[in-house]
C-alpha cells in the first residue's frame, strides 16, 4: 500500500479498484457474460496474484460445469445454437483467457507456474470445448471458423510452455489435441489449382500443423505423438503422409513469389518444420517410412531445396536452407534403411550433389565447413561426401554419382577448386571416387563372368568365364559349369552352404545383402585401386610370408596398406578360420605370382570385406568373395602405407 501511495496512487483509488475487481469477479461467478467478457481485456484482469488466480478458477469452473451439456448441444439446429445461452457463456470464457496471457507477461515466474498448474488441471474441459466449436463452426459466430480457433488457442499455450511441465497427463492431452488438429487438416480436401495468399496459408493451414511440430520438438510430447501414430492403420498413415507431401507443393505455390523478392532473408521455417516432422515419424515408424518412400517425398523435397538454395538457414552453425533440408533427409532415415541403394540414386538425380557443392561454397573461404562437420550421419566423422563414398560399394549408387558428377557445371567445379575450405572436402572425395568411376565403366563388360571355384583358373587359364549356374540352396555362389560346382562343393561349399543361406536370408531382410553383381563390382574396385598404387619398399628386416594388400575405404582419403597375412587386424583372425580364405592364403604364401587383397568398406552399421586373389603382375582376378562383420576400426602402422599415385595419373 505504501509503495503505491509513494507513486502518487491514493488509498481511495486503491480501494475503488479493489471494490471494482471484487464486483467484476462476483458477477463473473454468477455467469454474467458481459462481466466475463471484460476479464478478457488486459486492463480489467485482476493485477494481483490472488485475484488473477480467482478469475482463472472462475473461467474454468464454467467450462467444467457445462461440459456435460456438449452432447445435447450437438443435437441443436444451427439457428438455435447461435443463441444458446450456454454457448454464449463458454465463448466469453474462452476469449477471456486472453486476460491471463496478458497478466503472466508482467508477473513472476513462480506465479506463472502456479497459474499454469491450474490450466493443466483443467485442460480436459478446455480442449473439449475447443473441439466442440471446431465441429460446429458453421453455426458459431465470429472467428470460430473450423478448427482455426482451437489451433490459435493451443498455440498461445504452447508459446508459454504449457507442455514443458513434468506432467504425463498434460503431455498426453496436448499431444492428442494437436494431433487431432493435424489429422483434421490432413483429411480436408483442397480445391485443385487454388493458391492461398501468405496470410491465408498461415491462418488456415500452417496454424493447425504447427502445434504438432511443437509437440515433436519436446521429448515427452513427442513420445506421445509417436505412440499414437504407431497405432494408426496404413490408411490413416497414408493420409498424414499425403498431407506432408501436399505442403511440398502448396507451400512453394504460396510463398515462392515472396521468396524471390528477397531470397537471402526470407524465412522458410514452416517448410523446414514439415520436413522435420516427416523425418521424425520415419525414424520411429517403419510403415510410415515405406509410405513416404513410395510417394518419393525426399525426391520432391530435394528438388524444392534446390529452388530455395539462396535462403539462409537459421541453424546456429549457419549454411543454407537447401543444406538444412538435405541434412534432414540424407541422414539416418535414409542411410540405415534397406532401401538406401534405391533411394540414394533418386536423391542424386534430384540434386543432392548440387546441393552439397552449393553448401560447401556457402561456407567461409578459409577454416572448416561447420555445417558439414555437424551433418547428421550414421557414425562420427562421416560428412555427407564421405557418406556418399560409404555407399559407393553398391554399383547403382556409384553409377548415379558418376552421372551427378559429370552433370555438375564446370563453373561449380572450378569454384570448388578455388575455395580453400571447399576444396579440403571436395578433392579427397573426387580423388577417391576415381576408383569407383573406373569400376562402373568396367562392370558391364565383366558382369556374369565369374566362377567361385578356386580351381577354375588352374583348369581353364586365361579363359573368360560365363556363369552357367549357382548353388540352388544358398544362392550365394556362382559357377561356370557343373564340373566347377562339384569341385567347389567337395572342397569348401558343403561346409559353407547352410551358413551362407541363413546369412543371405537375414541380410536380404535387413537390406544388407551384397548381391553377385555388387560383389563383382567390389572386386573390380579392388583390382583398379591396386593397379593405381605403388607398392613401397619394406622397412629393413621386415619379411612377409603372405603379403596382403588392404584397401581401407572407410576413411577419406582411402588408404592402402601392405600387411602380413598373419596380422590379426581388419578381421584377419576371422579370415584364417574360414576354410576358403585359408586356402587362398596358402596359394599366395611364398608365391610371388599370387597376391591376396582385401577391400574394407562400410554398409550402414556393418563393415564389408571383399577378399580377392589376383595373379601378378597382370592382376587378373582369380577368385574372391565378400564377408560382413560388425563395424570396427583398426590402427595400421604408417610405415606399411602403400603410396597412392597422384590423382592425375589415375
Foldseek 3Di string as FASTA:
>chain_A
DVVCVVVVQDPVNVVVLVVVLVVLLVCLLVLDLVSLLQLLDQVNQDLDLVSNLSNLVSLLVLLVVCLVCLVVLVPDDLVCNAPDSSNSSNVSSLSSCNNVLSNVVPDDPVSVVVSLVVVLVRVVSVLSVLVSLLVVVVRYDDPSHHSLVVLVSLVSCVVVPSPVDPDLSSLQSLLVSLVVLLLVLLPDDDDPPDADAPVCCVRPPLSSNVSNLSLCVDVSSVVNNLVVVQPDDLVSLLSNLVSLLVCLVRVCSHCVVVCVVPLAADDPVSNLSSLLVLLVNLVRHVSSLVSNVVVLSLLSLLLVLVVSLNYWDPDPLIFGSSLSSLLSVVACSQQQALCNLVNLLSSLVSPSVVSVLSRQLVAPLDDESVSQQPRHYLDHPQGPLLSLLLPLLALSSLVSVVVSVVPDDPVSVVSCCVRNRSVVPPVLSVLQSVLSVVLNVCLVVQPQFAFAQLCVCVVVPPDTAHWDDAPPQQRAGTHRDPVSVVNCCVQAVVVPRVVSNVVQVVCVVSSNHQHPSSLVSNLSSQLSQVVQFAFDDAPPPDDAQAWEWEFESSDGNIWIFIDHLVDPPPNSVVLCVHSVSVVLSVVRGVPPQKYWYWYWHHRNQKIKIKIFIAGPPVRDTSHIHIDIDGDDDDDDDPSGITGGDDSVVD
